[in-house]
Amino acid sequence: MKEINVFVTGGTGNVGSAIVEELIGEGYRVLVLCRSSGAVCRAEEMGAIAVKGDLDHSALWLNQLDDVEALIHTGCSFEADMAKTDYNFVTQLIGYNENRARPLTLLYTSGCWNYGSHQNQITETTPKESIPDFQWMLDHIQMIKRSSTLDVRVVSPANVVREEEYYVPPILLWELERAGQPTVLGHLSIRGHWLNVEI
């Protein structure tokens, strides 16, 4: 059976590492984009192949996708210029894919914050009404869907928390400061646009 190659951005992060571990467990060959030497070590510890680079300079590593069937994009800097960084990456990816022999499958992960504030349970069919800080994700999704060369899927995962580590991701702390309503390991009721899945 042919080995299937999958490339993951953000593969050492909270959501991305869960995806990488699942893919490796299912027998996929996984390449992970790594910004730092620490990320390289984490990727290799999971059994993935580390590709040194970042989303700001994607032209330097996009050739690593030549033998890859799918790219799972979970990477986000959560810095002030995160929208610009993602836009540059997405436009570079679209341009790269125009020269591929076969279309690249792209799984783009948007955040649960793209659903806005809800009192009811959020599902994949809930209309998206993003909070302003993350509207750019929905704009970029529309851009990649207009591309005739990408086979696009979109998923909006809940926040993933590893119970054994009791790790609170920076995005939760950031949202606590801004909005005052994250949910952390079941200690607070689920409300607003935060949902947690413990793995």
Protein backbone atom coordinates (compact mmCIF):
# COMPACT_ATOMS: atom_id res chain seq x y z
CA MET A 1 0.00 0.00 0.00
CA LYS A 2 1.28 3.47 -0.96
CA GLU A 3 2.40 5.65 1.93
CA ILE A 4 0.28 8.81 2.21
CA ASN A 5 2.05 12.05 3.09
CA VAL A 6 0.27 14.74 5.09
CA PHE A 7 1.70 18.16 5.96
CA VAL A 8 0.52 19.96 9.12
CA THR A 9 1.03 23.60 10.05
CA GLY A 10 0.76 24.28 13.75
CA GLY A 11 1.49 20.61 14.30
CA THR A 12 3.12 21.09 17.70
CA GLY A 13 0.27 23.25 19.01
CA ASN A 14 -2.73 22.21 21.04
CA VAL A 15 -5.05 21.15 18.21
CA GLY A 16 -2.31 20.36 15.71
CA SER A 17 -0.42 17.92 17.93
CA ALA A 18 -3.61 15.92 18.52
CA ILE A 19 -4.07 15.68 14.75
CA VAL A 20 -0.43 14.68 14.19
CA GLU A 21 -0.56 11.93 16.80
CA GLU A 22 -3.80 10.56 15.34
CA LEU A 23 -2.41 10.57 11.78
CA ILE A 24 0.79 8.82 12.82
CA GLY A 25 -1.24 6.26 14.75
CA GLU A 26 -3.18 5.54 11.56
CA GLY A 27 0.00 4.99 9.56
CA TYR A 28 0.35 8.29 7.70
CA ARG A 29 3.73 9.89 7.05
CA VAL A 30 3.43 13.32 8.64
CA LEU A 31 5.50 16.44 7.99
CA VAL A 32 5.21 19.28 10.49
CA LEU A 33 6.13 22.92 9.94
CA CYS A 34 8.40 24.05 12.80
CA ARG A 35 9.40 27.64 13.63
CA SER A 36 11.86 26.82 16.41
CA SER A 37 14.31 24.15 17.52
CA GLY A 38 11.92 23.33 20.37
CA ALA A 39 9.13 22.68 17.85
CA VAL A 40 11.50 20.47 15.83
CA CYS A 41 12.16 18.35 18.94
CA ARG A 42 8.43 18.06 19.74
CA ALA A 43 7.58 17.06 16.17
CA GLU A 44 10.28 14.41 16.08
CA GLU A 45 9.25 13.07 19.51
CA MET A 46 5.77 12.49 18.07
CA GLY A 47 7.31 10.58 15.15
CA ALA A 48 6.78 13.29 12.54
CA ILE A 49 9.25 14.77 10.05
CA ALA A 50 10.16 18.33 11.00
CA VAL A 51 10.27 20.98 8.25
CA LYS A 52 11.98 24.15 9.43
CA GLY A 53 10.13 27.32 8.44
CA ASP A 54 7.21 29.58 9.22
CA LEU A 55 4.02 30.92 7.68
CA ASP A 56 5.57 34.34 7.04
CA HIS A 57 8.11 32.86 4.60
CA SER A 58 6.17 29.99 3.07
CA ALA A 59 7.80 30.38 -0.36
CA LEU A 60 10.97 28.93 1.19
CA TRP A 61 9.36 25.57 2.05
CA LEU A 62 6.33 25.10 -0.21
CA ASN A 63 8.35 22.68 -2.38
CA GLN A 64 8.10 20.26 0.57
CA LEU A 65 4.47 19.80 -0.53
CA ASP A 66 5.44 18.28 -3.89
CA ASP A 67 4.90 14.71 -2.67
CA VAL A 68 2.16 15.54 -0.17
CA GLU A 69 -1.47 14.57 -0.73
CA ALA A 70 -3.03 16.81 1.93
CA LEU A 71 -2.19 19.87 3.99
CA ILE A 72 -3.90 20.47 7.33
CA HIS A 73 -3.62 24.13 8.29
CA THR A 74 -3.92 24.63 12.06
CA GLY A 75 -1.13 27.21 12.40
CA CYS A 76 -1.91 30.67 13.75
CA SER A 77 0.43 33.07 15.54
CA PHE A 78 -2.29 34.85 17.57
CA GLU A 79 -0.15 37.95 17.21
CA ALA A 80 -1.26 41.40 16.03
CA ASP A 81 -0.41 40.60 12.40
CA MET A 82 -1.98 37.11 12.36
CA ALA A 83 -4.47 38.05 9.64
CA LYS A 84 -1.70 39.33 7.35
CA THR A 85 0.44 36.26 8.04
CA ASP A 86 -2.41 33.91 7.15
CA TYR A 87 -3.34 35.92 4.05
CA ASN A 88 0.23 35.77 2.76
CA PHE A 89 0.39 32.03 3.40
CA VAL A 90 -2.94 31.31 1.72
CA THR A 91 -2.12 33.37 -1.38
CA GLN A 92 1.32 31.71 -1.68
CA LEU A 93 -0.34 28.29 -1.34
CA ILE A 94 -2.88 29.05 -4.06
CA GLY A 95 -0.09 30.16 -6.39
CA TYR A 96 2.01 27.10 -5.63
CA ASN A 97 -0.88 24.73 -6.21
CA GLU A 98 -1.57 26.11 -9.69
CA ASN A 99 1.61 24.35 -10.86
CA ARG A 100 0.94 20.99 -9.19
CA ALA A 101 0.22 17.95 -11.33
CA ARG A 102 -2.73 17.09 -9.08
CA PRO A 103 -4.77 19.31 -6.75
CA LEU A 104 -3.69 19.49 -3.13
CA THR A 105 -6.34 18.70 -0.55
CA LEU A 106 -6.44 21.51 2.01
CA LEU A 107 -8.10 21.13 5.40
CA TYR A 108 -8.41 24.66 6.78
CA THR A 109 -9.22 24.93 10.47
CA SER A 110 -11.07 28.01 11.57
CA GLY A 111 -11.73 28.62 15.23
CA CYS A 112 -14.86 28.15 17.28
CA TRP A 113 -14.74 31.93 17.76
CA ASN A 114 -15.94 32.21 14.14
CA TYR A 115 -19.39 31.24 15.43
CA GLY A 116 -19.60 34.34 17.61
CA SER A 117 -21.51 34.35 20.88
CA HIS A 118 -24.13 31.62 21.40
CA GLN A 119 -26.17 30.42 24.35
CA ASN A 120 -27.01 27.13 22.61
CA GLN A 121 -24.85 24.20 21.57
CA ILE A 122 -22.70 24.99 18.54
CA THR A 123 -22.47 22.43 15.71
CA GLU A 124 -20.84 22.48 12.28
CA THR A 125 -24.17 23.63 10.79
CA THR A 126 -24.49 26.66 13.10
CA PRO A 127 -24.23 29.86 11.02
CA LYS A 128 -20.91 31.62 11.45
CA GLU A 129 -21.06 35.16 12.82
CA SER A 130 -17.45 35.73 13.79
CA ILE A 131 -16.21 38.02 16.50
CA PRO A 132 -14.41 40.91 14.75
CA ASP A 133 -10.88 39.80 15.66
CA PHE A 134 -11.25 36.58 13.63
CA GLN A 135 -13.46 37.65 10.71
CA TRP A 136 -10.34 37.36 8.55
CA MET A 137 -10.55 33.57 8.83
CA LEU A 138 -13.95 33.55 7.16
CA ASP A 139 -12.67 35.93 4.48
CA HIS A 140 -9.70 33.64 3.78
CA ILE A 141 -11.97 30.60 3.62
CA GLN A 142 -14.01 32.30 0.91
CA MET A 143 -10.79 33.12 -0.95
CA ILE A 144 -9.50 29.54 -0.96
CA LYS A 145 -12.91 28.17 -1.91
CA ARG A 146 -12.83 30.39 -5.01
CA SER A 147 -9.55 28.75 -6.07
CA SER A 148 -10.13 26.16 -8.78
CA THR A 149 -6.87 24.36 -7.95
CA LEU A 150 -7.44 23.47 -4.27
CA ASP A 151 -9.64 20.67 -2.97
CA VAL A 152 -10.85 22.48 0.17
CA ARG A 153 -12.42 21.24 3.40
CA VAL A 154 -13.12 23.47 6.41
CA VAL A 155 -13.50 22.38 10.03
CA SER A 156 -13.97 24.50 13.15
CA PRO A 157 -12.61 22.50 16.08
CA ALA A 158 -13.42 23.26 19.68
CA ASN A 159 -10.48 24.10 21.87
CA VAL A 160 -8.54 20.95 22.75
CA VAL A 161 -7.26 20.59 26.30
CA ARG A 162 -5.07 17.77 27.54
CA GLU A 163 -6.52 16.95 30.93
CA GLU A 164 -3.38 15.21 32.18
CA GLU A 165 -1.35 18.37 31.62
CA TYR A 166 -3.90 20.86 32.94
CA TYR A 167 -2.54 23.19 30.30
CA VAL A 168 -4.44 26.39 29.61
CA PRO A 169 -3.70 27.50 26.02
CA PRO A 170 -2.64 31.15 25.61
CA ILE A 171 -5.73 31.85 23.49
CA LEU A 172 -7.95 31.07 26.49
CA LEU A 173 -6.02 33.45 28.71
CA TRP A 174 -6.13 36.08 25.99
CA GLU A 175 -9.89 35.72 25.65
CA LEU A 176 -10.33 35.83 29.43
CA GLU A 177 -8.60 39.21 29.47
CA ARG A 178 -10.63 40.51 26.52
CA ALA A 179 -14.07 38.99 27.01
CA GLY A 180 -14.06 37.45 30.48
CA GLN A 181 -15.64 34.15 29.47
CA PRO A 182 -13.48 31.15 28.55
CA THR A 183 -14.29 27.65 29.75
CA VAL A 184 -11.40 25.81 31.41
CA LEU A 185 -11.60 22.04 32.02
CA GLY A 186 -15.23 22.09 33.08
CA HIS A 187 -14.66 24.43 36.04
CA LEU A 188 -16.81 27.10 34.37
CA SER A 189 -20.06 26.56 32.52
CA ILE A 190 -19.85 26.49 28.74
CA ARG A 191 -21.04 29.77 27.37
CA GLY A 192 -20.19 32.26 24.70
CA HIS A 193 -18.17 30.87 21.81
CA TRP A 194 -15.87 28.53 23.80
CA LEU A 195 -16.25 24.78 23.68
CA ASN A 196 -13.66 22.41 25.06
CA VAL A 197 -12.93 18.82 24.15
CA GLU A 198 -10.75 16.92 26.61
CA ILE A 199 -8.48 14.28 25.04
